[in-house]
Amino acid sequence: NAPNPFNPTTRIRFDLPKPSLVTLVVYNILGQEVTRLLRNSSMEAGFHSVIWNSRNERGFSTSSGVYFYRIQAGEFTRMRKMMLLK
């Protein structure tokens, strides 16, 4: 994601080698789900980006701290760390 650290938004970029169903979830430091940015979204091969506005699933602003995002595309899964500084 870039920028990292960020305030208040960050862009998560990824590349798909083939069409896939993609799920992108943000978690807090305790491993609790904060929001789902993509939910089994059918996406074509190529470069993609998703913006997270540092809000939770209910639309409330999240606090400063470390967050993780997990992206799943087909058999592929990756988790990365990001930091929100307010």
PDB file of N, CA and C in Angstrom:
ATOM      1  N   ASN A   1       0.840  -1.188   0.000  1.00  0.00           N
ATOM      2  CA  ASN A   1       0.000   0.000   0.000  1.00  0.00           C
ATOM      3  C   ASN A   1       0.876   1.240   0.000  1.00  0.00           C
ATOM      4  N   ALA A   2       0.374   2.291  -0.521  1.00  0.00           N
ATOM      5  CA  ALA A   2       1.116   3.547  -0.563  1.00  0.00           C
ATOM      6  C   ALA A   2       0.113   4.686  -0.407  1.00  0.00           C
ATOM      7  N   PRO A   3       0.428   5.688   0.341  1.00  0.00           N
ATOM      8  CA  PRO A   3       1.612   5.764   1.201  1.00  0.00           C
ATOM      9  C   PRO A   3       1.456   4.878   2.437  1.00  0.00           C
ATOM     10  N   ASN A   4       2.563   4.613   3.061  1.00  0.00           N
ATOM     11  CA  ASN A   4       2.578   3.836   4.302  1.00  0.00           C
ATOM     12  C   ASN A   4       3.747   4.327   5.137  1.00  0.00           C
ATOM     13  N   PRO A   5       3.536   4.988   6.258  1.00  0.00           N
ATOM     14  CA  PRO A   5       2.271   5.274   6.940  1.00  0.00           C
ATOM     15  C   PRO A   5       1.382   6.219   6.123  1.00  0.00           C
ATOM     16  N   PHE A   6       0.089   6.239   6.491  1.00  0.00           N
ATOM     17  CA  PHE A   6      -0.871   7.042   5.739  1.00  0.00           C
ATOM     18  C   PHE A   6      -1.813   7.784   6.671  1.00  0.00           C
ATOM     19  N   ASN A   7      -2.469   8.805   6.129  1.00  0.00           N
ATOM     20  CA  ASN A   7      -3.487   9.573   6.817  1.00  0.00           C
ATOM     21  C   ASN A   7      -4.204  10.436   5.792  1.00  0.00           C
ATOM     22  N   PRO A   8      -5.455  10.329   5.547  1.00  0.00           N
ATOM     23  CA  PRO A   8      -6.386   9.328   6.054  1.00  0.00           C
ATOM     24  C   PRO A   8      -6.622   8.187   5.066  1.00  0.00           C
ATOM     25  N   THR A   9      -6.044   8.255   3.836  1.00  0.00           N
ATOM     26  CA  THR A   9      -6.306   7.197   2.857  1.00  0.00           C
ATOM     27  C   THR A   9      -5.012   6.560   2.364  1.00  0.00           C
ATOM     28  N   THR A  10      -5.144   5.330   1.921  1.00  0.00           N
ATOM     29  CA  THR A  10      -4.033   4.616   1.311  1.00  0.00           C
ATOM     30  C   THR A  10      -4.562   3.815   0.136  1.00  0.00           C
ATOM     31  N   ARG A  11      -3.695   3.565  -0.833  1.00  0.00           N
ATOM     32  CA  ARG A  11      -4.065   2.809  -2.025  1.00  0.00           C
ATOM     33  C   ARG A  11      -3.371   1.454  -1.980  1.00  0.00           C
ATOM     34  N   ILE A  12      -4.150   0.388  -2.073  1.00  0.00           N
ATOM     35  CA  ILE A  12      -3.625  -0.974  -2.093  1.00  0.00           C
ATOM     36  C   ILE A  12      -3.638  -1.437  -3.549  1.00  0.00           C
ATOM     37  N   ARG A  13      -2.455  -1.730  -4.068  1.00  0.00           N
ATOM     38  CA  ARG A  13      -2.324  -2.126  -5.474  1.00  0.00           C
ATOM     39  C   ARG A  13      -1.964  -3.598  -5.567  1.00  0.00           C
ATOM     40  N   PHE A  14      -2.485  -4.238  -6.599  1.00  0.00           N
ATOM     41  CA  PHE A  14      -2.160  -5.645  -6.817  1.00  0.00           C
ATOM     42  C   PHE A  14      -2.320  -5.998  -8.289  1.00  0.00           C
ATOM     43  N   ASP A  15      -1.675  -7.074  -8.678  1.00  0.00           N
ATOM     44  CA  ASP A  15      -1.674  -7.542 -10.056  1.00  0.00           C
ATOM     45  C   ASP A  15      -2.218  -8.963 -10.084  1.00  0.00           C
ATOM     46  N   LEU A  16      -3.141  -9.220 -10.983  1.00  0.00           N
ATOM     47  CA  LEU A  16      -3.697 -10.562 -11.147  1.00  0.00           C
ATOM     48  C   LEU A  16      -3.195 -11.166 -12.455  1.00  0.00           C
ATOM     49  N   PRO A  17      -2.559 -12.334 -12.400  1.00  0.00           N
ATOM     50  CA  PRO A  17      -2.073 -12.956 -13.629  1.00  0.00           C
ATOM     51  C   PRO A  17      -3.198 -13.547 -14.482  1.00  0.00           C
ATOM     52  N   LYS A  18      -4.347 -13.816 -13.850  1.00  0.00           N
ATOM     53  CA  LYS A  18      -5.503 -14.360 -14.573  1.00  0.00           C
ATOM     54  C   LYS A  18      -6.772 -13.884 -13.871  1.00  0.00           C
ATOM     55  N   PRO A  19      -7.912 -13.943 -14.542  1.00  0.00           N
ATOM     56  CA  PRO A  19      -9.163 -13.541 -13.889  1.00  0.00           C
ATOM     57  C   PRO A  19      -9.374 -14.344 -12.604  1.00  0.00           C
ATOM     58  N   SER A  20      -9.825 -13.660 -11.554  1.00  0.00           N
ATOM     59  CA  SER A  20      -9.975 -14.311 -10.251  1.00  0.00           C
ATOM     60  C   SER A  20     -11.093 -13.664  -9.452  1.00  0.00           C
ATOM     61  N   LEU A  21     -11.575 -14.412  -8.463  1.00  0.00           N
ATOM     62  CA  LEU A  21     -12.444 -13.844  -7.438  1.00  0.00           C
ATOM     63  C   LEU A  21     -11.530 -13.309  -6.344  1.00  0.00           C
ATOM     64  N   VAL A  22     -11.691 -12.040  -5.986  1.00  0.00           N
ATOM     65  CA  VAL A  22     -10.768 -11.382  -5.064  1.00  0.00           C
ATOM     66  C   VAL A  22     -11.515 -10.933  -3.810  1.00  0.00           C
ATOM     67  N   THR A  23     -10.906 -11.217  -2.652  1.00  0.00           N
ATOM     68  CA  THR A  23     -11.396 -10.733  -1.368  1.00  0.00           C
ATOM     69  C   THR A  23     -10.266  -9.948  -0.717  1.00  0.00           C
ATOM     70  N   LEU A  24     -10.583  -8.754  -0.232  1.00  0.00           N
ATOM     71  CA  LEU A  24      -9.596  -7.893   0.418  1.00  0.00           C
ATOM     72  C   LEU A  24     -10.182  -7.417   1.742  1.00  0.00           C
ATOM     73  N   VAL A  25      -9.557  -7.831   2.855  1.00  0.00           N
ATOM     74  CA  VAL A  25     -10.077  -7.549   4.188  1.00  0.00           C
ATOM     75  C   VAL A  25      -9.025  -6.807   5.003  1.00  0.00           C
ATOM     76  N   VAL A  26      -9.458  -5.808   5.774  1.00  0.00           N
ATOM     77  CA  VAL A  26      -8.573  -5.056   6.674  1.00  0.00           C
ATOM     78  C   VAL A  26      -8.848  -5.512   8.103  1.00  0.00           C
ATOM     79  N   TYR A  27      -7.759  -5.777   8.857  1.00  0.00           N
ATOM     80  CA  TYR A  27      -7.846  -6.215  10.255  1.00  0.00           C
ATOM     81  C   TYR A  27      -7.099  -5.237  11.152  1.00  0.00           C
ATOM     82  N   ASN A  28      -7.516  -5.150  12.409  1.00  0.00           N
ATOM     83  CA  ASN A  28      -6.770  -4.349  13.378  1.00  0.00           C
ATOM     84  C   ASN A  28      -5.670  -5.210  13.996  1.00  0.00           C
ATOM     85  N   ILE A  29      -4.904  -4.639  14.904  1.00  0.00           N
ATOM     86  CA  ILE A  29      -3.769  -5.320  15.520  1.00  0.00           C
ATOM     87  C   ILE A  29      -4.200  -6.544  16.334  1.00  0.00           C
ATOM     88  N   LEU A  30      -5.464  -6.582  16.772  1.00  0.00           N
ATOM     89  CA  LEU A  30      -5.986  -7.716  17.528  1.00  0.00           C
ATOM     90  C   LEU A  30      -6.501  -8.838  16.629  1.00  0.00           C
ATOM     91  N   GLY A  31      -6.440  -8.623  15.314  1.00  0.00           N
ATOM     92  CA  GLY A  31      -6.925  -9.620  14.371  1.00  0.00           C
ATOM     93  C   GLY A  31      -8.410  -9.542  14.113  1.00  0.00           C
ATOM     94  N   GLN A  32      -9.044  -8.477  14.589  1.00  0.00           N
ATOM     95  CA  GLN A  32     -10.480  -8.292  14.374  1.00  0.00           C
ATOM     96  C   GLN A  32     -10.715  -7.633  13.016  1.00  0.00           C
ATOM     97  N   GLU A  33     -11.721  -8.100  12.315  1.00  0.00           N
ATOM     98  CA  GLU A  33     -12.029  -7.528  11.011  1.00  0.00           C
ATOM     99  C   GLU A  33     -12.532  -6.096  11.170  1.00  0.00           C
ATOM    100  N   VAL A  34     -11.946  -5.186  10.399  1.00  0.00           N
ATOM    101  CA  VAL A  34     -12.337  -3.778  10.412  1.00  0.00           C
ATOM    102  C   VAL A  34     -13.302  -3.504   9.262  1.00  0.00           C
ATOM    103  N   THR A  35     -12.928  -3.946   8.063  1.00  0.00           N
ATOM    104  CA  THR A  35     -13.783  -3.748   6.888  1.00  0.00           C
ATOM    105  C   THR A  35     -13.368  -4.706   5.780  1.00  0.00           C
ATOM    106  N   ARG A  36     -14.319  -4.973   4.896  1.00  0.00           N
ATOM    107  CA  ARG A  36     -14.045  -5.760   3.685  1.00  0.00           C
ATOM    108  C   ARG A  36     -14.122  -4.800   2.515  1.00  0.00           C
ATOM    109  N   LEU A  37     -12.998  -4.624   1.852  1.00  0.00           N
ATOM    110  CA  LEU A  37     -12.952  -3.713   0.712  1.00  0.00           C
ATOM    111  C   LEU A  37     -13.418  -4.398  -0.566  1.00  0.00           C
ATOM    112  N   LEU A  38     -13.168  -5.703  -0.671  1.00  0.00           N
ATOM    113  CA  LEU A  38     -13.652  -6.506  -1.793  1.00  0.00           C
ATOM    114  C   LEU A  38     -14.208  -7.812  -1.233  1.00  0.00           C
ATOM    115  N   ARG A  39     -15.337  -8.243  -1.765  1.00  0.00           N
ATOM    116  CA  ARG A  39     -15.990  -9.477  -1.299  1.00  0.00           C
ATOM    117  C   ARG A  39     -16.214 -10.409  -2.489  1.00  0.00           C
ATOM    118  N   ASN A  40     -15.294 -11.324  -2.686  1.00  0.00           N
ATOM    119  CA  ASN A  40     -15.400 -12.267  -3.810  1.00  0.00           C
ATOM    120  C   ASN A  40     -15.742 -11.552  -5.112  1.00  0.00           C
ATOM    121  N   SER A  41     -15.059 -10.442  -5.345  1.00  0.00           N
ATOM    122  CA  SER A  41     -15.289  -9.651  -6.553  1.00  0.00           C
ATOM    123  C   SER A  41     -14.607 -10.304  -7.746  1.00  0.00           C
ATOM    124  N   SER A  42     -15.343 -10.491  -8.812  1.00  0.00           N
ATOM    125  CA  SER A  42     -14.783 -11.048 -10.040  1.00  0.00           C
ATOM    126  C   SER A  42     -13.968  -9.955 -10.726  1.00  0.00           C
ATOM    127  N   MET A  43     -12.669 -10.226 -10.919  1.00  0.00           N
ATOM    128  CA  MET A  43     -11.790  -9.213 -11.503  1.00  0.00           C
ATOM    129  C   MET A  43     -10.983  -9.822 -12.637  1.00  0.00           C
ATOM    130  N   GLU A  44     -10.758  -9.028 -13.657  1.00  0.00           N
ATOM    131  CA  GLU A  44      -9.977  -9.449 -14.818  1.00  0.00           C
ATOM    132  C   GLU A  44      -8.487  -9.469 -14.474  1.00  0.00           C
ATOM    133  N   ALA A  45      -7.710 -10.141 -15.306  1.00  0.00           N
ATOM    134  CA  ALA A  45      -6.254 -10.127 -15.156  1.00  0.00           C
ATOM    135  C   ALA A  45      -5.751  -8.700 -15.353  1.00  0.00           C
ATOM    136  N   GLY A  46      -4.659  -8.359 -14.673  1.00  0.00           N
ATOM    137  CA  GLY A  46      -4.063  -7.041 -14.822  1.00  0.00           C
ATOM    138  C   GLY A  46      -3.870  -6.339 -13.491  1.00  0.00           C
ATOM    139  N   PHE A  47      -3.487  -5.074 -13.582  1.00  0.00           N
ATOM    140  CA  PHE A  47      -3.221  -4.270 -12.391  1.00  0.00           C
ATOM    141  C   PHE A  47      -4.513  -3.645 -11.869  1.00  0.00           C
ATOM    142  N   HIS A  48      -4.638  -3.646 -10.539  1.00  0.00           N
ATOM    143  CA  HIS A  48      -5.821  -3.086  -9.883  1.00  0.00           C
ATOM    144  C   HIS A  48      -5.384  -2.309  -8.647  1.00  0.00           C
ATOM    145  N   SER A  49      -6.236  -1.421  -8.187  1.00  0.00           N
ATOM    146  CA  SER A  49      -5.973  -0.726  -6.929  1.00  0.00           C
ATOM    147  C   SER A  49      -7.295  -0.446  -6.224  1.00  0.00           C
ATOM    148  N   VAL A  50      -7.215  -0.456  -4.904  1.00  0.00           N
ATOM    149  CA  VAL A  50      -8.373  -0.205  -4.046  1.00  0.00           C
ATOM    150  C   VAL A  50      -7.949   0.824  -3.013  1.00  0.00           C
ATOM    151  N   ILE A  51      -8.781   1.796  -2.748  1.00  0.00           N
ATOM    152  CA  ILE A  51      -8.476   2.826  -1.760  1.00  0.00           C
ATOM    153  C   ILE A  51      -9.209   2.515  -0.459  1.00  0.00           C
ATOM    154  N   TRP A  52      -8.455   2.565   0.653  1.00  0.00           N
ATOM    155  CA  TRP A  52      -9.077   2.452   1.971  1.00  0.00           C
ATOM    156  C   TRP A  52      -9.032   3.825   2.623  1.00  0.00           C
ATOM    157  N   ASN A  53     -10.184   4.307   3.061  1.00  0.00           N
ATOM    158  CA  ASN A  53     -10.316   5.646   3.644  1.00  0.00           C
ATOM    159  C   ASN A  53     -10.217   5.645   5.168  1.00  0.00           C
ATOM    160  N   SER A  54      -9.661   4.598   5.740  1.00  0.00           N
ATOM    161  CA  SER A  54      -9.460   4.425   7.190  1.00  0.00           C
ATOM    162  C   SER A  54     -10.773   4.437   7.973  1.00  0.00           C
ATOM    163  N   ARG A  55     -11.826   3.950   7.338  1.00  0.00           N
ATOM    164  CA  ARG A  55     -13.114   3.823   8.023  1.00  0.00           C
ATOM    165  C   ARG A  55     -13.463   2.346   8.161  1.00  0.00           C
ATOM    166  N   ASN A  56     -14.242   2.037   9.199  1.00  0.00           N
ATOM    167  CA  ASN A  56     -14.641   0.649   9.405  1.00  0.00           C
ATOM    168  C   ASN A  56     -15.883   0.320   8.577  1.00  0.00           C
ATOM    169  N   GLU A  57     -16.385  -0.882   8.749  1.00  0.00           N
ATOM    170  CA  GLU A  57     -17.529  -1.365   7.969  1.00  0.00           C
ATOM    171  C   GLU A  57     -18.780  -0.510   8.173  1.00  0.00           C
ATOM    172  N   ARG A  58     -18.916   0.094   9.330  1.00  0.00           N
ATOM    173  CA  ARG A  58     -20.081   0.937   9.628  1.00  0.00           C
ATOM    174  C   ARG A  58     -19.878   2.399   9.239  1.00  0.00           C
ATOM    175  N   GLY A  59     -18.692   2.725   8.694  1.00  0.00           N
ATOM    176  CA  GLY A  59     -18.443   4.079   8.231  1.00  0.00           C
ATOM    177  C   GLY A  59     -17.769   4.993   9.231  1.00  0.00           C
ATOM    178  N   PHE A  60     -17.427   4.460  10.421  1.00  0.00           N
ATOM    179  CA  PHE A  60     -16.770   5.271  11.438  1.00  0.00           C
ATOM    180  C   PHE A  60     -15.264   5.303  11.214  1.00  0.00           C
ATOM    181  N   SER A  61     -14.671   6.434  11.518  1.00  0.00           N
ATOM    182  CA  SER A  61     -13.227   6.603  11.389  1.00  0.00           C
ATOM    183  C   SER A  61     -12.502   5.703  12.383  1.00  0.00           C
ATOM    184  N   THR A  62     -11.427   5.073  11.939  1.00  0.00           N
ATOM    185  CA  THR A  62     -10.639   4.208  12.815  1.00  0.00           C
ATOM    186  C   THR A  62      -9.534   5.016  13.481  1.00  0.00           C
ATOM    187  N   SER A  63      -8.981   4.487  14.553  1.00  0.00           N
ATOM    188  CA  SER A  63      -7.935   5.196  15.293  1.00  0.00           C
ATOM    189  C   SER A  63      -6.560   4.915  14.697  1.00  0.00           C
ATOM    190  N   SER A  64      -5.595   5.734  15.081  1.00  0.00           N
ATOM    191  CA  SER A  64      -4.208   5.529  14.663  1.00  0.00           C
ATOM    192  C   SER A  64      -3.746   4.162  15.131  1.00  0.00           C
ATOM    193  N   GLY A  65      -2.862   3.553  14.353  1.00  0.00           N
ATOM    194  CA  GLY A  65      -2.313   2.273  14.763  1.00  0.00           C
ATOM    195  C   GLY A  65      -1.920   1.405  13.593  1.00  0.00           C
ATOM    196  N   VAL A  66      -1.555   0.183  13.910  1.00  0.00           N
ATOM    197  CA  VAL A  66      -1.140  -0.791  12.910  1.00  0.00           C
ATOM    198  C   VAL A  66      -2.362  -1.584  12.453  1.00  0.00           C
ATOM    199  N   TYR A  67      -2.484  -1.738  11.159  1.00  0.00           N
ATOM    200  CA  TYR A  67      -3.547  -2.526  10.547  1.00  0.00           C
ATOM    201  C   TYR A  67      -2.906  -3.509   9.570  1.00  0.00           C
ATOM    202  N   PHE A  68      -3.638  -4.540   9.255  1.00  0.00           N
ATOM    203  CA  PHE A  68      -3.184  -5.527   8.288  1.00  0.00           C
ATOM    204  C   PHE A  68      -4.248  -5.680   7.228  1.00  0.00           C
ATOM    205  N   TYR A  69      -3.822  -5.928   6.000  1.00  0.00           N
ATOM    206  CA  TYR A  69      -4.800  -6.300   4.984  1.00  0.00           C
ATOM    207  C   TYR A  69      -4.430  -7.662   4.431  1.00  0.00           C
ATOM    208  N   ARG A  70      -5.457  -8.462   4.146  1.00  0.00           N
ATOM    209  CA  ARG A  70      -5.274  -9.780   3.554  1.00  0.00           C
ATOM    210  C   ARG A  70      -5.996  -9.803   2.225  1.00  0.00           C
ATOM    211  N   ILE A  71      -5.257 -10.164   1.191  1.00  0.00           N
ATOM    212  CA  ILE A  71      -5.851 -10.295  -0.133  1.00  0.00           C
ATOM    213  C   ILE A  71      -5.834 -11.768  -0.519  1.00  0.00           C
ATOM    214  N   GLN A  72      -6.964 -12.232  -1.012  1.00  0.00           N
ATOM    215  CA  GLN A  72      -7.094 -13.596  -1.516  1.00  0.00           C
ATOM    216  C   GLN A  72      -7.586 -13.518  -2.949  1.00  0.00           C
ATOM    217  N   ALA A  73      -6.868 -14.206  -3.828  1.00  0.00           N
ATOM    218  CA  ALA A  73      -7.253 -14.282  -5.238  1.00  0.00           C
ATOM    219  C   ALA A  73      -7.014 -15.709  -5.691  1.00  0.00           C
ATOM    220  N   GLY A  74      -8.089 -16.466  -5.819  1.00  0.00           N
ATOM    221  CA  GLY A  74      -7.942 -17.878  -6.165  1.00  0.00           C
ATOM    222  C   GLY A  74      -7.187 -18.599  -5.063  1.00  0.00           C
ATOM    223  N   GLU A  75      -6.097 -19.276  -5.407  1.00  0.00           N
ATOM    224  CA  GLU A  75      -5.270 -20.015  -4.447  1.00  0.00           C
ATOM    225  C   GLU A  75      -4.289 -19.103  -3.707  1.00  0.00           C
ATOM    226  N   PHE A  76      -4.103 -17.890  -4.178  1.00  0.00           N
ATOM    227  CA  PHE A  76      -3.107 -16.960  -3.637  1.00  0.00           C
ATOM    228  C   PHE A  76      -3.671 -16.207  -2.432  1.00  0.00           C
ATOM    229  N   THR A  77      -2.863 -16.111  -1.367  1.00  0.00           N
ATOM    230  CA  THR A  77      -3.203 -15.298  -0.196  1.00  0.00           C
ATOM    231  C   THR A  77      -1.960 -14.565   0.260  1.00  0.00           C
ATOM    232  N   ARG A  78      -2.116 -13.288   0.581  1.00  0.00           N
ATOM    233  CA  ARG A  78      -0.995 -12.495   1.080  1.00  0.00           C
ATOM    234  C   ARG A  78      -1.512 -11.545   2.139  1.00  0.00           C
ATOM    235  N   MET A  79      -0.721 -11.341   3.202  1.00  0.00           N
ATOM    236  CA  MET A  79      -1.073 -10.401   4.262  1.00  0.00           C
ATOM    237  C   MET A  79       0.053  -9.392   4.395  1.00  0.00           C
ATOM    238  N   ARG A  80      -0.303  -8.115   4.531  1.00  0.00           N
ATOM    239  CA  ARG A  80       0.677  -7.036   4.660  1.00  0.00           C
ATOM    240  C   ARG A  80       0.276  -6.091   5.784  1.00  0.00           C
ATOM    241  N   LYS A  81       1.271  -5.406   6.335  1.00  0.00           N
ATOM    242  CA  LYS A  81       1.061  -4.470   7.435  1.00  0.00           C
ATOM    243  C   LYS A  81       1.016  -3.040   6.895  1.00  0.00           C
ATOM    244  N   MET A  82       0.187  -2.206   7.524  1.00  0.00           N
ATOM    245  CA  MET A  82       0.133  -0.781   7.196  1.00  0.00           C
ATOM    246  C   MET A  82      -0.110   0.003   8.472  1.00  0.00           C
ATOM    247  N   MET A  83       0.305   1.265   8.477  1.00  0.00           N
ATOM    248  CA  MET A  83       0.195   2.084   9.675  1.00  0.00           C
ATOM    249  C   MET A  83      -0.575   3.369   9.382  1.00  0.00           C
ATOM    250  N   LEU A  84      -1.590   3.595  10.195  1.00  0.00           N
ATOM    251  CA  LEU A  84      -2.410   4.803  10.120  1.00  0.00           C
ATOM    252  C   LEU A  84      -1.922   5.772  11.199  1.00  0.00           C
ATOM    253  N   LEU A  85      -1.476   6.949  10.786  1.00  0.00           N
ATOM    254  CA  LEU A  85      -1.027   8.002  11.717  1.00  0.00           C
ATOM    255  C   LEU A  85      -1.935   9.197  11.580  1.00  0.00           C
ATOM    256  N   LYS A  86      -2.556   9.591  12.672  1.00  0.00           N
ATOM    257  CA  LYS A  86      -3.446  10.766  12.632  1.00  0.00           C
ATOM    258  C   LYS A  86      -2.837  11.893  13.421  1.00  0.00           C
TER     259      LYS A  86
END
